[in-house]
Every structure is written in C-alpha cells, then in structure tokens.
Protein backbone atom coordinates (compact mmCIF):
# COMPACT_ATOMS: atom_id res chain seq x y z
CA MET A 1 145.49 141.30 27.08
CA SER A 2 143.06 142.91 24.68
CA ALA A 3 141.84 146.48 24.40
CA ALA A 4 138.95 148.27 22.71
CA ARG A 5 137.52 151.75 22.41
CA PHE A 6 133.74 152.18 22.28
CA VAL A 7 131.77 155.25 21.30
CA VAL A 8 128.20 155.17 22.57
CA SER A 9 125.48 157.38 21.04
CA GLY A 10 121.98 158.16 22.25
CA LYS A 11 120.70 159.43 25.58
CA VAL A 12 123.92 158.58 27.39
CA GLN A 13 124.85 161.75 29.27
CA GLY A 14 123.15 162.77 32.51
CA VAL A 15 121.80 159.25 33.11
CA PHE A 16 124.63 157.73 35.21
CA PHE A 17 126.08 156.03 32.14
CA ARG A 18 129.74 156.64 33.04
CA ALA A 19 129.34 155.62 36.69
CA SER A 20 127.37 152.51 35.74
CA THR A 21 129.99 151.64 33.13
CA ARG A 22 132.74 152.04 35.74
CA ASP A 23 130.92 149.72 38.14
CA ARG A 24 130.35 147.09 35.45
CA ALA A 25 133.93 147.30 34.15
CA GLN A 26 135.39 147.00 37.65
CA ALA A 27 133.21 143.95 38.35
CA LEU A 28 134.61 142.39 35.15
CA GLY A 29 138.20 143.18 36.13
CA LEU A 30 138.75 145.65 33.30
CA ARG A 31 140.99 148.74 33.25
CA GLY A 32 140.27 151.99 31.43
CA PHE A 33 137.90 154.92 31.52
CA ALA A 34 134.53 156.28 30.49
CA ARG A 35 134.21 159.96 29.57
CA ASN A 36 131.66 162.31 28.08
CA LEU A 37 132.40 163.74 24.66
CA ALA A 38 131.46 167.30 23.70
CA ASP A 39 129.00 166.04 21.07
CA GLY A 40 126.84 164.18 23.63
CA ARG A 41 128.33 160.72 23.13
CA VAL A 42 130.32 158.69 25.69
CA GLU A 43 133.75 157.19 24.98
CA VAL A 44 134.74 154.01 26.81
CA LEU A 45 138.26 152.62 26.60
CA VAL A 46 138.89 149.22 28.18
CA ALA A 47 141.69 146.70 28.46
CA GLY A 48 141.71 143.21 29.91
CA ASP A 49 140.40 139.76 29.13
CA GLU A 50 138.72 139.54 25.69
CA ALA A 51 135.68 137.71 27.08
CA ALA A 52 135.21 140.42 29.73
CA ILE A 53 135.47 143.13 27.05
CA ASP A 54 132.84 141.32 24.98
CA GLU A 55 130.59 141.10 28.05
CA LEU A 56 130.99 144.82 28.69
CA ALA A 57 130.25 145.52 25.01
CA ALA A 58 126.96 143.61 25.31
CA TRP A 59 126.08 145.67 28.40
CA LEU A 60 127.03 148.94 26.64
CA ARG A 61 124.43 148.18 23.95
CA GLU A 62 121.76 148.59 26.66
CA GLY A 63 123.40 150.77 29.32
CA PRO A 64 121.77 151.65 32.63
CA PRO A 65 117.96 151.84 32.89
CA GLN A 66 117.76 155.61 32.33
CA ALA A 67 119.86 155.52 29.14
CA ARG A 68 118.84 154.96 25.53
CA VAL A 69 121.62 153.60 23.34
CA ASP A 70 121.14 154.33 19.65
CA ASP A 71 124.54 153.19 18.39
CA LEU A 72 127.67 151.46 19.68
CA GLU A 73 130.86 151.75 17.67
CA ARG A 74 133.85 149.52 18.51
CA LEU A 75 137.32 150.73 17.54
CA PRO A 76 140.80 149.31 18.12
CA ALA A 77 142.81 150.52 21.12
CA ARG A 78 146.16 149.80 22.72
CA ASP A 79 146.42 148.18 26.15
CA GLU A 80 148.72 150.92 27.47
CA GLU A 81 146.04 153.59 26.82
CA ALA A 82 143.89 152.11 29.59
CA GLY A 83 146.16 152.96 32.51
CA GLU A 84 145.50 151.42 35.91
CA GLY A 85 142.07 150.80 37.39
CA PHE A 86 138.91 152.18 35.83
CA SER A 87 137.70 155.76 36.12
CA ALA A 88 134.62 157.72 35.10
CA ILE A 89 136.11 160.99 33.91
C-alpha cells in the first residue's frame, strides 16, 4: 500500500471539488479524505495502489469542470492516516 497527501490550489472551493474527488477516489478503490483548508486550498489524503494514486494525481491537476487548478503539491503520508473508505469532509 502507498499513501500520499495532496494540496490543491486555485479555484477549488465551492465548485464540487471535494465531492468529485471522493467519487473519483472511490472509483479507483482508494481510501482517505478530501477537505477544505481555511486558506482556500483543498487537502486530499489517499492510500491504496500506487498506480491508482498516480491516476488520481493526474485527475487532481485538472479537477472537475468548474474548478481551476493553479498548483498541485504532493507530500508524503502514512497509510494509517487514510482510515476506511473515502470521505469529503
């Protein structure tokens, strides 16, 4: 199992980014969460198959149609941080 934490910047709040991320992550069989940060960014923590995480990362660079992603930062994470299932907090 692999894990990663992403921080997404741009127009990513109020555009269904978290819900769309949850749907995409669930379809890829990933565990974790997506949550808004106070500074307007979105944090995404995922755990699962490395190829699925890479596929989600590619999707996060674009996001849903209403979003505008200016930057995507990938940070290390621990598998146990992801919990069970995937939630949009």
